[in-house]
Amino acid sequence: MTRCAACLLLGDMFDFRDIEVIRAIVRQGGFRAASDATGIAQSAISRRVRHLEDRMKIKIFERDGRGVRLTAAGRRLCDEAEVLVAQRDHILEELTQGVMAGVVRLGVAETMTHTILPRMLTSLRARHPQLRFEISVDTSGQMGQELADDGLDVVIMLRDQAPRGINLTALPPVGLGWYVAPAHFTLPCPASVDDLAALPIVSFPKGTIPHRRVIELLSPGRKQAVVVHGSASLATVLHLVGQGFGIGTIPHDIVAAWPHAGLEEITVLPEARLPDLEFAICYMPERNAEIGREVARAAVETAQD
């Protein structure tokens, strides 16, 4: 049995008042001295210890010529009880002094994992070292549903796909461009919508806003459907474009962070430009207002650096 499991088991068998009485007996050296120190009648102390021994089916104290001393089982009980008391005191300190602690279920669009996420989490760790993060990377549509269903506490997602009733803090827009591995494809400069549509394209996953925008930009008036491949992994998009699978729609910051991919931005005519991606910090105010505000604060500060 682990120490934590043992603590949980013991916690079901006695309360903190029992612990305090046993500690007083040990520290004061006997039942009478414990009675004087705590103001509890000696008979009540004896009765509490006897009932506790009956419940746990152990003997906690044994008498000797100088008073009482703990049995081996009693020492084990006191050791585990000290852990419970420390945990109680720690929880009370956090609650009364405004310490933020516990697990934060954080959903993140992959674009943000390559940009603000590492520095944002480092900032949060410095301010709140007792917070722990469980990070999920998914599409904005999926994370929006998880947020509404209380599967996530805070989400960094495309603001256009945020669910109703949320608190939303906008982040600076993320520029999106067309990219190519020049060793594999040669395009006019500037390239037109027709030039782009003639090539295989790797973009965001099907059903996402960026994917739909690419289809809407390139499809009107064409007899043949534009070939747009979708991937939820930006690293996969970078590799596919770098290896000549197609041209890609990729955030500028991502390409800048991966110079070894060897990609170049395609200069395009104004009508072929892609709109910026607009992300936001989102949380349900009735459930996660405090941590939501802290994540939003850290994200905005990081994005402005």
Protein backbone atom coordinates (compact mmCIF):
# COMPACT_ATOMS: atom_id res chain seq x y z
CA MET A 1 0.00 0.00 0.00
CA THR A 2 1.32 3.46 -0.88
CA ARG A 3 1.64 6.16 1.74
CA CYS A 4 -1.21 8.18 0.21
CA ALA A 5 -3.47 5.13 0.12
CA ALA A 6 -2.69 4.42 3.74
CA CYS A 7 -3.54 8.03 4.64
CA LEU A 8 -6.90 7.75 2.91
CA LEU A 9 -7.67 4.50 4.73
CA LEU A 10 -6.74 5.94 8.12
CA GLY A 11 -8.72 9.10 7.41
CA ASP A 12 -11.87 6.97 7.18
CA MET A 13 -11.24 5.48 10.62
CA PHE A 14 -10.60 8.53 12.80
CA ASP A 15 -10.97 12.28 12.74
CA PHE A 16 -8.62 15.14 13.47
CA ARG A 17 -9.87 15.41 17.05
CA ASP A 18 -8.63 11.86 17.65
CA ILE A 19 -5.26 12.85 16.22
CA GLU A 20 -5.02 15.90 18.45
CA VAL A 21 -5.80 13.85 21.56
CA ILE A 22 -3.16 11.22 20.73
CA ARG A 23 -0.56 13.91 20.00
CA ALA A 24 -1.33 15.58 23.35
CA ILE A 25 -0.88 12.29 25.22
CA VAL A 26 2.46 11.66 23.51
CA ARG A 27 3.76 15.19 23.99
CA GLN A 28 2.59 15.56 27.58
CA GLY A 29 3.65 12.06 28.60
CA GLY A 30 0.33 10.74 29.90
CA PHE A 31 -3.45 10.96 30.00
CA ARG A 32 -3.66 13.26 33.04
CA ALA A 33 -1.10 15.72 31.66
CA ALA A 34 -2.91 15.66 28.29
CA SER A 35 -6.15 16.47 30.13
CA ASP A 36 -4.54 19.47 31.80
CA ALA A 37 -3.06 20.71 28.51
CA THR A 38 -6.20 20.34 26.41
CA GLY A 39 -8.91 21.05 28.98
CA ILE A 40 -10.60 17.75 28.10
CA ALA A 41 -11.60 15.53 31.03
CA GLN A 42 -9.23 12.63 31.60
CA SER A 43 -12.16 10.22 31.43
CA ALA A 44 -13.16 11.63 28.04
CA ILE A 45 -9.60 11.23 26.75
CA SER A 46 -9.44 7.64 27.98
CA ARG A 47 -12.82 6.90 26.41
CA ARG A 48 -11.81 8.41 23.05
CA VAL A 49 -8.60 6.37 22.94
CA ARG A 50 -10.43 3.17 23.89
CA HIS A 51 -13.08 3.69 21.19
CA LEU A 52 -10.38 4.42 18.63
CA GLU A 53 -8.52 1.22 19.57
CA ASP A 54 -11.77 -0.72 19.23
CA ARG A 55 -12.49 0.72 15.77
CA MET A 56 -8.99 0.11 14.47
CA LYS A 57 -8.53 -3.19 16.33
CA ILE A 58 -5.08 -2.18 17.57
CA LYS A 59 -3.55 -1.16 20.89
CA ILE A 60 -2.20 2.40 20.68
CA PHE A 61 -0.68 2.88 24.16
CA GLU A 62 0.80 0.62 26.78
CA ARG A 63 1.63 1.57 30.34
CA ASP A 64 5.04 1.31 31.96
CA GLY A 65 6.45 2.48 35.26
CA ARG A 66 6.85 6.06 34.03
CA GLY A 67 3.45 6.49 32.38
CA VAL A 68 2.38 5.47 28.88
CA ARG A 69 4.22 4.91 25.64
CA LEU A 70 3.20 4.17 22.08
CA THR A 71 3.09 0.61 20.83
CA ALA A 72 4.59 -0.21 17.45
CA ALA A 73 1.12 0.12 15.92
CA GLY A 74 0.64 3.39 17.80
CA ARG A 75 3.88 4.80 16.34
CA ARG A 76 2.78 3.82 12.85
CA LEU A 77 -0.58 5.47 13.46
CA CYS A 78 1.09 8.69 14.66
CA ASP A 79 3.40 8.78 11.62
CA GLU A 80 0.49 8.51 9.22
CA ALA A 81 -1.60 10.93 11.26
CA GLU A 82 1.16 13.55 11.01
CA VAL A 83 0.90 13.31 7.21
CA LEU A 84 -2.85 13.94 7.38
CA VAL A 85 -2.37 16.91 9.69
CA ALA A 86 0.27 18.38 7.38
CA GLN A 87 -2.06 17.96 4.40
CA ARG A 88 -4.91 19.61 6.30
CA ASP A 89 -2.72 22.56 7.31
CA HIS A 90 -1.44 22.90 3.74
CA ILE A 91 -4.98 23.01 2.32
CA LEU A 92 -6.10 25.55 4.91
CA GLU A 93 -3.10 27.74 4.16
CA GLU A 94 -3.83 27.67 0.45
CA LEU A 95 -7.50 28.53 0.97
CA THR A 96 -6.96 31.29 3.51
CA GLN A 97 -3.95 32.92 1.85
CA GLY A 98 -5.23 32.80 -1.73
CA VAL A 99 -2.63 30.31 -2.96
CA MET A 100 -3.56 28.83 -6.34
CA ALA A 101 -2.97 25.09 -6.46
CA GLY A 102 -4.26 21.93 -8.06
CA VAL A 103 -4.68 20.65 -11.61
CA VAL A 104 -5.66 22.91 -14.52
CA ARG A 105 -7.07 21.12 -17.58
CA LEU A 106 -5.75 23.32 -20.39
CA GLY A 107 -6.82 22.92 -24.00
CA VAL A 108 -4.56 24.44 -26.67
CA ALA A 109 -4.80 24.84 -30.42
CA GLU A 110 -1.58 23.50 -31.91
CA THR A 111 -0.57 26.86 -33.36
CA MET A 112 -0.31 28.15 -29.79
CA THR A 113 1.88 25.25 -28.66
CA HIS A 114 4.59 26.50 -31.01
CA THR A 115 4.21 30.17 -30.09
CA ILE A 116 3.08 31.47 -26.70
CA LEU A 117 2.45 28.25 -24.74
CA PRO A 118 5.96 27.48 -23.39
CA ARG A 119 6.61 31.03 -22.17
CA MET A 120 3.07 31.39 -20.84
CA LEU A 121 3.37 28.21 -18.75
CA THR A 122 6.81 29.27 -17.49
CA SER A 123 5.31 32.57 -16.34
CA LEU A 124 2.41 30.80 -14.61
CA ARG A 125 4.76 28.35 -12.90
CA ALA A 126 6.83 31.22 -11.51
CA ARG A 127 3.73 32.91 -10.08
CA HIS A 128 1.90 29.79 -8.94
CA PRO A 129 4.38 26.95 -8.37
CA GLN A 130 1.70 24.68 -6.90
CA LEU A 131 -0.40 24.60 -10.08
CA ARG A 132 -0.15 21.54 -12.30
CA PHE A 133 -1.24 21.51 -15.94
CA GLU A 134 -2.81 18.72 -17.96
CA ILE A 135 -2.49 19.89 -21.57
CA SER A 136 -4.72 18.71 -24.41
CA VAL A 137 -3.96 19.69 -28.01
CA ASP A 138 -6.96 19.51 -30.33
CA THR A 139 -9.02 21.43 -32.87
CA SER A 140 -10.89 24.52 -31.67
CA GLY A 141 -14.27 22.97 -32.42
CA GLN A 142 -13.55 19.92 -30.31
CA MET A 143 -12.10 21.95 -27.45
CA GLY A 144 -15.04 24.33 -27.46
CA GLN A 145 -17.37 21.39 -26.86
CA GLU A 146 -15.08 20.04 -24.12
CA LEU A 147 -15.10 23.45 -22.45
CA ALA A 148 -18.89 23.61 -22.51
CA ASP A 149 -19.12 20.05 -21.12
CA ASP A 150 -16.66 20.81 -18.28
CA GLY A 151 -14.03 18.52 -19.77
CA LEU A 152 -11.55 21.42 -19.87
CA ASP A 153 -11.03 24.39 -17.55
CA VAL A 154 -9.36 26.90 -19.89
CA VAL A 155 -8.89 26.80 -23.66
CA ILE A 156 -6.75 28.73 -26.13
CA MET A 157 -8.74 28.44 -29.34
CA LEU A 158 -9.96 30.25 -32.44
CA ARG A 159 -12.34 32.88 -31.12
CA ASP A 160 -14.86 32.30 -33.91
CA GLN A 161 -15.46 28.80 -32.59
CA ALA A 162 -15.81 29.72 -28.91
CA PRO A 163 -19.05 28.43 -27.30
CA ARG A 164 -21.71 30.78 -25.98
CA GLY A 165 -21.62 32.03 -22.44
CA ILE A 166 -17.85 32.03 -22.06
CA ASN A 167 -15.40 34.69 -20.91
CA LEU A 168 -13.14 35.54 -23.82
CA THR A 169 -9.83 37.41 -23.88
CA ALA A 170 -8.57 38.10 -27.39
CA LEU A 171 -4.92 37.51 -28.29
CA PRO A 172 -2.97 39.35 -31.00
CA PRO A 173 -3.76 37.99 -34.48
CA VAL A 174 -1.56 35.27 -35.95
CA GLY A 175 -0.49 35.90 -39.53
CA LEU A 176 -1.04 33.06 -42.01
CA GLY A 177 0.78 32.68 -45.30
CA TRP A 178 1.31 30.44 -48.31
CA TYR A 179 4.58 28.48 -48.20
CA VAL A 180 6.55 26.32 -50.60
CA ALA A 181 9.76 24.31 -50.80
CA PRO A 182 11.33 26.13 -53.80
CA ALA A 183 13.24 23.05 -54.91
CA HIS A 184 9.94 21.32 -55.71
CA PHE A 185 7.59 23.98 -57.08
CA THR A 186 8.11 27.20 -59.01
CA LEU A 187 5.34 29.81 -58.95
CA PRO A 188 4.94 33.22 -60.57
CA CYS A 189 5.69 36.23 -58.40
CA PRO A 190 3.17 37.34 -57.35
CA ALA A 191 1.09 34.17 -57.60
CA SER A 192 -2.60 34.31 -58.36
CA VAL A 193 -5.48 32.28 -56.96
CA ASP A 194 -5.36 30.17 -60.14
CA ASP A 195 -1.65 29.47 -59.65
CA LEU A 196 -2.25 28.25 -56.10
CA ALA A 197 -5.33 26.21 -56.96
CA ALA A 198 -3.41 24.29 -59.63
CA LEU A 199 -1.16 22.70 -56.98
CA PRO A 200 -1.85 20.24 -54.14
CA ILE A 201 -2.34 22.13 -50.88
CA VAL A 202 -1.72 21.09 -47.28
CA SER A 203 -3.74 23.02 -44.73
CA PHE A 204 -5.49 22.78 -41.36
CA PRO A 205 -7.88 19.86 -40.67
CA LYS A 206 -11.12 19.60 -42.60
CA GLY A 207 -13.95 21.35 -40.78
CA THR A 208 -11.79 24.01 -39.18
CA ILE A 209 -12.17 27.69 -40.02
CA PRO A 210 -8.73 28.02 -41.74
CA HIS A 211 -9.47 24.98 -43.92
CA ARG A 212 -12.87 26.38 -44.93
CA ARG A 213 -11.31 29.72 -45.79
CA VAL A 214 -8.84 28.08 -48.16
CA ILE A 215 -11.68 26.20 -49.90
CA GLU A 216 -13.79 29.36 -50.14
CA LEU A 217 -10.86 31.34 -51.53
CA LEU A 218 -9.85 28.86 -54.23
CA SER A 219 -13.04 27.04 -55.22
CA PRO A 220 -15.44 29.62 -56.78
CA GLY A 221 -16.02 29.16 -60.50
CA ARG A 222 -13.86 26.03 -60.88
CA LYS A 223 -15.00 22.97 -62.79
CA GLN A 224 -12.55 20.75 -60.94
CA ALA A 225 -12.37 20.64 -57.15
CA VAL A 226 -9.28 22.07 -55.51
CA VAL A 227 -7.12 19.43 -53.83
CA VAL A 228 -6.71 20.44 -50.17
CA HIS A 229 -5.21 17.96 -47.72
CA GLY A 230 -5.88 18.52 -44.02
CA SER A 231 -3.64 17.81 -41.04
CA ALA A 232 -4.13 18.52 -37.34
CA SER A 233 -0.36 18.49 -36.88
CA LEU A 234 1.54 21.59 -37.95
CA ALA A 235 4.79 19.63 -37.73
CA THR A 236 3.34 17.21 -40.30
CA VAL A 237 2.35 20.11 -42.56
CA LEU A 238 5.88 21.51 -42.38
CA HIS A 239 7.42 18.15 -43.29
CA LEU A 240 4.98 17.50 -46.13
CA VAL A 241 5.56 20.91 -47.67
CA GLY A 242 9.31 20.63 -47.14
CA GLN A 243 9.38 17.28 -48.93
CA GLY A 244 7.43 18.59 -51.92
CA PHE A 245 4.05 16.98 -51.23
CA GLY A 246 2.38 20.31 -51.91
CA ILE A 247 2.28 23.95 -50.92
CA GLY A 248 1.00 24.84 -47.48
CA THR A 249 -0.94 27.39 -45.46
CA ILE A 250 1.13 27.90 -42.30
CA PRO A 251 1.37 30.61 -39.61
CA HIS A 252 4.39 32.88 -40.13
CA ASP A 253 5.65 32.34 -36.58
CA ILE A 254 5.70 28.57 -37.03
CA VAL A 255 7.85 28.74 -40.14
CA ALA A 256 10.18 31.23 -38.43
CA ALA A 257 10.61 28.77 -35.55
CA TRP A 258 11.49 25.95 -38.00
CA PRO A 259 14.11 27.45 -40.33
CA HIS A 260 15.57 24.01 -41.07
CA ALA A 261 12.36 23.15 -42.93
CA GLY A 262 13.67 25.24 -45.84
CA LEU A 263 10.35 26.85 -46.70
CA GLU A 264 9.83 30.18 -48.41
CA GLU A 265 6.72 32.32 -48.34
CA ILE A 266 4.91 32.63 -51.63
CA THR A 267 4.29 36.22 -52.68
CA VAL A 268 0.66 36.38 -53.76
CA LEU A 269 -1.73 38.88 -55.28
CA PRO A 270 -3.99 40.68 -52.76
CA GLU A 271 -7.02 38.53 -53.57
CA ALA A 272 -5.03 35.38 -52.68
CA ARG A 273 -3.97 36.54 -49.22
CA LEU A 274 -5.20 34.61 -46.22
CA PRO A 275 -6.85 36.36 -43.28
CA ASP A 276 -5.14 36.30 -39.90
CA LEU A 277 -6.06 33.67 -37.33
CA GLU A 278 -7.71 35.17 -34.25
CA PHE A 279 -7.21 33.22 -31.03
CA ALA A 280 -8.60 33.84 -27.56
CA ILE A 281 -8.36 32.56 -23.99
CA CYS A 282 -11.75 31.08 -23.11
CA TYR A 283 -13.26 29.80 -19.87
CA MET A 284 -16.64 29.40 -18.23
CA PRO A 285 -16.97 32.22 -15.67
CA GLU A 286 -19.17 30.26 -13.28
CA ARG A 287 -16.60 27.47 -12.98
CA ASN A 288 -13.08 28.70 -13.59
CA ALA A 289 -12.98 32.48 -13.31
CA GLU A 290 -9.91 32.72 -11.07
CA ILE A 291 -7.59 30.45 -13.03
CA GLY A 292 -9.08 31.69 -16.30
CA ARG A 293 -8.08 35.27 -15.46
CA GLU A 294 -4.56 34.15 -14.51
CA VAL A 295 -4.05 32.19 -17.74
CA ALA A 296 -5.43 35.09 -19.78
CA ARG A 297 -3.11 37.54 -18.03
CA ALA A 298 -0.06 35.36 -18.64
CA ALA A 299 -1.01 34.70 -22.27
CA VAL A 300 -1.54 38.39 -23.10
CA GLU A 301 1.74 39.38 -21.44
CA THR A 302 3.59 36.64 -23.30
CA ALA A 303 2.04 37.57 -26.65
CA GLN A 304 3.09 41.20 -26.16
CA ASP A 305 6.76 40.38 -25.41
